[in-house]
């Protein structure tokens, strides 16, 4: 009797288990794709913020340089020509 029941039980359990593993592989692949896409969007957003910060930093540095130069030009009486 065990010779008939054991293969039947294995067949009844193995087929749904195989289908479950195959379906979970697709689900994990989809979740991995969504995770990688989210990570790429996050990296892009961080890079955009860093780029904006450095653009602001360039303007602040320009102001830091221009104001003392303008004050020195006012004191020495030089005219600054706009080109």
N, C-alpha and C. Protein backbone atom coordinates (compact mmCIF):
# COMPACT_ATOMS: atom_id res chain seq x y z
N UNK A 1 0.83 -1.19 0.00
CA UNK A 1 0.00 0.00 0.00
C UNK A 1 0.88 1.26 0.00
N UNK A 2 1.97 1.20 0.71
CA UNK A 2 2.86 2.35 0.76
C UNK A 2 3.46 2.63 -0.62
N UNK A 3 3.62 1.59 -1.44
CA UNK A 3 4.14 1.76 -2.77
C UNK A 3 3.19 2.56 -3.67
N UNK A 4 1.90 2.55 -3.36
CA UNK A 4 0.93 3.32 -4.14
C UNK A 4 0.70 4.71 -3.54
N UNK A 5 0.62 4.78 -2.23
CA UNK A 5 0.27 6.02 -1.55
C UNK A 5 1.42 7.03 -1.59
N UNK A 6 2.64 6.59 -1.38
CA UNK A 6 3.77 7.50 -1.31
C UNK A 6 3.99 8.25 -2.64
N UNK A 7 4.05 7.60 -3.79
CA UNK A 7 4.18 8.38 -5.03
C UNK A 7 3.00 9.30 -5.30
N UNK A 8 1.80 8.86 -4.91
CA UNK A 8 0.62 9.69 -5.11
C UNK A 8 0.69 10.95 -4.25
N UNK A 9 1.10 10.81 -3.00
CA UNK A 9 1.23 11.97 -2.11
C UNK A 9 2.32 12.90 -2.62
N UNK A 10 3.45 12.37 -3.05
CA UNK A 10 4.52 13.19 -3.59
C UNK A 10 4.06 13.95 -4.83
N UNK A 11 3.29 13.29 -5.69
CA UNK A 11 2.80 13.94 -6.90
C UNK A 11 1.79 15.04 -6.56
N UNK A 12 0.95 14.78 -5.58
CA UNK A 12 -0.06 15.78 -5.19
C UNK A 12 0.60 16.99 -4.54
N UNK A 13 1.66 16.77 -3.80
CA UNK A 13 2.35 17.88 -3.12
C UNK A 13 3.37 18.55 -4.04
N UNK A 14 4.06 17.79 -4.87
CA UNK A 14 5.16 18.33 -5.66
C UNK A 14 4.68 19.28 -6.74
N UNK A 15 3.59 18.99 -7.40
CA UNK A 15 3.12 19.85 -8.50
C UNK A 15 2.70 21.22 -7.97
N UNK A 16 1.87 21.32 -6.93
CA UNK A 16 1.56 22.67 -6.42
C UNK A 16 2.79 23.38 -5.85
N UNK A 17 3.71 22.63 -5.25
CA UNK A 17 4.93 23.24 -4.71
C UNK A 17 5.78 23.80 -5.85
N UNK A 18 5.89 23.06 -6.94
CA UNK A 18 6.65 23.53 -8.09
C UNK A 18 6.01 24.78 -8.69
N UNK A 19 4.70 24.80 -8.78
CA UNK A 19 4.00 25.97 -9.32
C UNK A 19 4.16 27.17 -8.40
N UNK A 20 4.14 26.93 -7.09
CA UNK A 20 4.32 28.01 -6.13
C UNK A 20 5.72 28.60 -6.23
N UNK A 21 6.73 27.73 -6.37
CA UNK A 21 8.11 28.23 -6.48
C UNK A 21 8.28 29.01 -7.78
N UNK A 22 7.71 28.52 -8.88
CA UNK A 22 7.82 29.23 -10.15
C UNK A 22 7.11 30.59 -10.10
N UNK A 23 5.93 30.64 -9.48
CA UNK A 23 5.21 31.91 -9.36
C UNK A 23 5.94 32.87 -8.43
N UNK A 24 6.55 32.35 -7.38
CA UNK A 24 7.27 33.24 -6.46
C UNK A 24 8.53 33.79 -7.11
N UNK A 25 9.14 33.04 -8.03
CA UNK A 25 10.30 33.57 -8.75
C UNK A 25 9.89 34.79 -9.57
N UNK A 26 8.75 34.73 -10.23
CA UNK A 26 8.27 35.88 -11.01
C UNK A 26 7.95 37.07 -10.10
N UNK A 27 7.34 36.77 -8.96
CA UNK A 27 6.99 37.84 -8.03
C UNK A 27 8.24 38.50 -7.45
N UNK A 28 9.24 37.71 -7.10
CA UNK A 28 10.49 38.27 -6.57
C UNK A 28 11.24 39.06 -7.64
N UNK A 29 11.18 38.59 -8.88
CA UNK A 29 11.83 39.33 -9.97
C UNK A 29 11.15 40.68 -10.17
N UNK A 30 9.83 40.71 -10.09
CA UNK A 30 9.10 41.97 -10.24
C UNK A 30 9.42 42.90 -9.06
N UNK A 31 9.46 42.37 -7.84
CA UNK A 31 9.77 43.20 -6.68
C UNK A 31 11.21 43.73 -6.77
N UNK A 32 12.13 42.92 -7.26
CA UNK A 32 13.52 43.35 -7.43
C UNK A 32 13.60 44.47 -8.46
N UNK A 33 12.85 44.35 -9.55
CA UNK A 33 12.83 45.38 -10.58
C UNK A 33 12.28 46.69 -10.03
N UNK A 34 11.22 46.62 -9.27
CA UNK A 34 10.63 47.82 -8.66
C UNK A 34 11.61 48.44 -7.67
N UNK A 35 12.29 47.62 -6.90
CA UNK A 35 13.27 48.13 -5.93
C UNK A 35 14.43 48.83 -6.63
N UNK A 36 14.96 48.23 -7.68
CA UNK A 36 16.08 48.84 -8.42
C UNK A 36 15.62 50.14 -9.07
N UNK A 37 14.41 50.16 -9.64
CA UNK A 37 13.89 51.39 -10.25
C UNK A 37 13.73 52.48 -9.20
N UNK A 38 13.21 52.14 -8.04
CA UNK A 38 13.07 53.10 -6.95
C UNK A 38 14.43 53.62 -6.50
N UNK A 39 15.41 52.74 -6.42
CA UNK A 39 16.75 53.14 -6.03
C UNK A 39 17.36 54.09 -7.06
N UNK A 40 17.13 53.83 -8.35
CA UNK A 40 17.64 54.71 -9.40
C UNK A 40 16.97 56.08 -9.34
N UNK A 41 15.66 56.12 -9.11
CA UNK A 41 14.97 57.40 -9.00
C UNK A 41 15.48 58.18 -7.79
N UNK A 42 15.72 57.49 -6.70
CA UNK A 42 16.24 58.14 -5.50
C UNK A 42 17.64 58.70 -5.74
N UNK A 43 18.49 57.95 -6.42
CA UNK A 43 19.84 58.43 -6.73
C UNK A 43 19.77 59.63 -7.67
N UNK A 44 18.84 59.60 -8.62
CA UNK A 44 18.67 60.73 -9.54
C UNK A 44 18.21 61.98 -8.79
N UNK A 45 17.31 61.82 -7.84
CA UNK A 45 16.81 62.95 -7.06
C UNK A 45 17.92 63.53 -6.19
N UNK A 46 18.72 62.68 -5.58
CA UNK A 46 19.83 63.15 -4.76
C UNK A 46 20.85 63.90 -5.62
N UNK A 47 21.13 63.37 -6.81
CA UNK A 47 22.08 64.04 -7.71
C UNK A 47 21.54 65.40 -8.15
N UNK A 48 20.23 65.49 -8.39
CA UNK A 48 19.62 66.76 -8.78
C UNK A 48 19.74 67.78 -7.65
N UNK A 49 19.51 67.34 -6.41
CA UNK A 49 19.63 68.24 -5.26
C UNK A 49 21.08 68.70 -5.06
N UNK A 50 22.02 67.79 -5.22
CA UNK A 50 23.43 68.15 -5.08
C UNK A 50 23.84 69.13 -6.17
N UNK A 51 23.37 68.92 -7.40
CA UNK A 51 23.67 69.84 -8.49
C UNK A 51 23.12 71.24 -8.20
N UNK A 52 21.89 71.32 -7.71
CA UNK A 52 21.31 72.60 -7.34
C UNK A 52 22.08 73.28 -6.22
N UNK A 53 22.51 72.49 -5.24
CA UNK A 53 23.29 73.04 -4.13
C UNK A 53 24.60 73.65 -4.64
N UNK A 54 25.28 72.95 -5.53
CA UNK A 54 26.54 73.48 -6.04
C UNK A 54 26.33 74.69 -6.96
N UNK A 55 25.21 74.75 -7.67
CA UNK A 55 24.91 75.95 -8.45
C UNK A 55 24.71 77.15 -7.53
N UNK A 56 24.01 76.95 -6.44
CA UNK A 56 23.82 78.02 -5.45
C UNK A 56 25.17 78.39 -4.83
N UNK A 57 26.00 77.41 -4.56
CA UNK A 57 27.31 77.66 -3.97
C UNK A 57 28.18 78.49 -4.91
N UNK A 58 28.08 78.26 -6.22
CA UNK A 58 28.84 79.06 -7.19
C UNK A 58 28.39 80.51 -7.14
N UNK A 59 27.08 80.73 -7.07
CA UNK A 59 26.57 82.10 -7.00
C UNK A 59 26.97 82.79 -5.70
N UNK A 60 26.94 82.06 -4.60
CA UNK A 60 27.37 82.63 -3.32
C UNK A 60 28.85 82.98 -3.37
N UNK A 61 29.65 82.13 -3.96
CA UNK A 61 31.08 82.43 -4.09
C UNK A 61 31.30 83.64 -4.99
N UNK A 62 30.52 83.78 -6.06
CA UNK A 62 30.62 84.96 -6.92
C UNK A 62 30.31 86.24 -6.13
N UNK A 63 29.27 86.17 -5.32
CA UNK A 63 28.92 87.33 -4.50
C UNK A 63 30.04 87.63 -3.51
N UNK A 64 30.62 86.59 -2.94
CA UNK A 64 31.71 86.74 -1.97
C UNK A 64 32.92 87.42 -2.61
N UNK A 65 33.15 87.16 -3.88
CA UNK A 65 34.30 87.76 -4.58
C UNK A 65 33.96 89.16 -5.10
N UNK A 66 32.76 89.34 -5.67
CA UNK A 66 32.40 90.59 -6.35
C UNK A 66 32.27 91.76 -5.37
N UNK A 67 31.67 91.54 -4.21
CA UNK A 67 31.43 92.65 -3.28
C UNK A 67 32.74 93.30 -2.82
N UNK A 68 33.75 92.57 -2.38
CA UNK A 68 35.01 93.24 -2.01
C UNK A 68 35.69 93.92 -3.20
N UNK A 69 35.58 93.34 -4.40
CA UNK A 69 36.18 93.96 -5.57
C UNK A 69 35.47 95.28 -5.89
N UNK A 70 34.16 95.31 -5.78
CA UNK A 70 33.41 96.53 -6.04
C UNK A 70 33.74 97.60 -4.99
N UNK A 71 33.86 97.18 -3.75
CA UNK A 71 34.24 98.14 -2.70
C UNK A 71 35.63 98.70 -2.97
N UNK A 72 36.56 97.85 -3.38
CA UNK A 72 37.91 98.32 -3.70
C UNK A 72 37.88 99.26 -4.89
N UNK A 73 37.05 98.99 -5.88
CA UNK A 73 36.93 99.88 -7.04
C UNK A 73 36.33 101.23 -6.64
N UNK A 74 35.37 101.23 -5.72
CA UNK A 74 34.78 102.49 -5.25
C UNK A 74 35.82 103.32 -4.50
N UNK A 75 36.63 102.66 -3.68
CA UNK A 75 37.64 103.38 -2.90
C UNK A 75 38.72 103.95 -3.82
N UNK A 76 39.16 103.16 -4.79
CA UNK A 76 40.24 103.62 -5.67
C UNK A 76 39.72 104.53 -6.79
N UNK A 77 38.41 104.58 -7.01
CA UNK A 77 37.83 105.47 -8.00
C UNK A 77 37.86 104.93 -9.42
N UNK A 78 38.08 103.64 -9.61
CA UNK A 78 38.09 103.08 -10.95
C UNK A 78 36.67 102.87 -11.45
N UNK A 79 36.49 103.01 -12.76
CA UNK A 79 35.21 102.73 -13.40
C UNK A 79 35.23 101.29 -13.89
N UNK A 80 34.13 100.59 -13.70
CA UNK A 80 34.01 99.23 -14.16
C UNK A 80 33.18 99.25 -15.43
N UNK A 81 33.75 98.77 -16.53
CA UNK A 81 33.01 98.77 -17.79
C UNK A 81 32.27 97.45 -17.94
N UNK A 82 31.01 97.54 -18.37
CA UNK A 82 30.20 96.35 -18.59
C UNK A 82 30.45 95.83 -19.99
N UNK A 83 30.89 94.60 -20.11
CA UNK A 83 31.15 94.04 -21.44
C UNK A 83 30.15 92.97 -21.75
